[in-house]
Amino acid sequence: MPQTRRRFLRIAGTSGLVLAATAIGGGAAFVATRRPDKALAPWETAGQAYDDPRLRALSYAILAPNPHNMQPWMVQLDGDDGFTLLYDLDRMLPETDPFNRQIVIGLGCFLEIMRMAAAAEGLRADIQLFPDGEPEPLLDGRPVARVRLMRDGDVAPDPLFAHLFDRRSTKEAFDTSRPVAREIFAQLEAVAGDGVAVGTLQHADEIAAMRELTWQAHMIEVETPRTYLESVEVMRFGKAEIEASPDGIDMGGPLLEALNHAGILTRKSLSNMTSSSYQQGVELYRRIIHSAMGYVFVSTQNNSRTEQIAAGRDWVRINLSAVQQGICVHPLSQALQEYKEMHAKLDDVHEMLGQRGRRVQMLARVGYGPAVSPSPRWDLKHKLIL
């Protein structure tokens, strides 16, 4: 059981869990059936049940990290060996990601995992980015990429691909008694590709300053009603909601679902910024953010769509390298967002990271944390344009 959920239960009180579980039909039976198996099936079936190598590669790609787990990708198969990567314009985050930058980074993660999956079968992925031009200032329906997969004896498997199924965004408190070794930070920095820089913060004074900056940014987001409610609106409470819509922010597991049924943790209570649920959530996240044991960031020279894709490709490689090194990663995107209330913090984070004149695309805390479950996913068949 994740430590954060234990803390939330202690805050809310055990009576809510007991009463809700009993009302639903018995505590033990309730707890035993709360895993959203259907929504987690894509993690267990990736690479299976497809004769078409494109579909096999894409079944891995849908496990990519992406903002708020919106899974915006859509795919149209082309001929016998190609496909076009598109996106669903109804899966944007207009309040916290007003220029779709974070969405594009997630699409870059998708492309990199697809490439690694293809390489594992000896296939080269020829990727033509933005064949009809880069959509600006917003995504407008033009494709992200056209891809062809071709047999190539010179293609070698990527060793990071072996860690895909263990990749997580660990939104839990880290162990503040366990420092992260310099050698591990060096491994994270080593994944940078052309045009992308990967940097880290390792020293105690830097970590303390960034903890406070990211906390302030988080509070701006949750105290600005339109940006906070954007997150609440995509929360999925309990197994039934998660399996019906396996995207967004999952609020699943027996404890959170029981609290939801008891009326303690609901979309309505969280939407009320004076409620105890809201205040408890703020306190819980304060502990999470202040447990950072270092930071890793990705920056680009400018902020083009092509650079955002490159940042995403390196970002997922950092995630996989972290798994390889045995540490956890949790992205903290609030201070990088472009809406007006965040402008000052966006400047501050660039100053603190020594990146003035560049664009920081991703920032995350790192450390040692508990094992967590993967995020739900739509099955690949729901992402194909037929």
Foldseek 3Di string as FASTA:
>chain_A
DFPLLVVVCVLLDVVLLVVLCVVVPHNVVLQVPFDLCLQCVLLVQQQPDDPQLLRNLLSLLLLFDAPLQLSFWFWEADDRFKIFIWGDPVSALCPFAVQCLRRLLSVLRSVLSSQLSLLVVQKHKDWDAQPVDFDPSHDDTRTGIMIGIDHDPVRHHDVLNVQSSQFDQDQGFFDLVDADDPVLQVLLQVLADPQKGKHKFADPVLLQVVLVLLLVLVCLQCVPLSNVLSLLVQEAATNVRCSVPQGGHYQTGSSSNSCVSSVNDHSVQCSPCVHPNVVVVSVSSSNRSSRFNMKMWMWGLERTSVVSSSSSSSVVSSSSSCVVVQKHKHWRCSLQTDDDSNVVSVVVVCVSVVNPNIHTSTMIGMHHGDRDDRGGGDRSVVRYDD
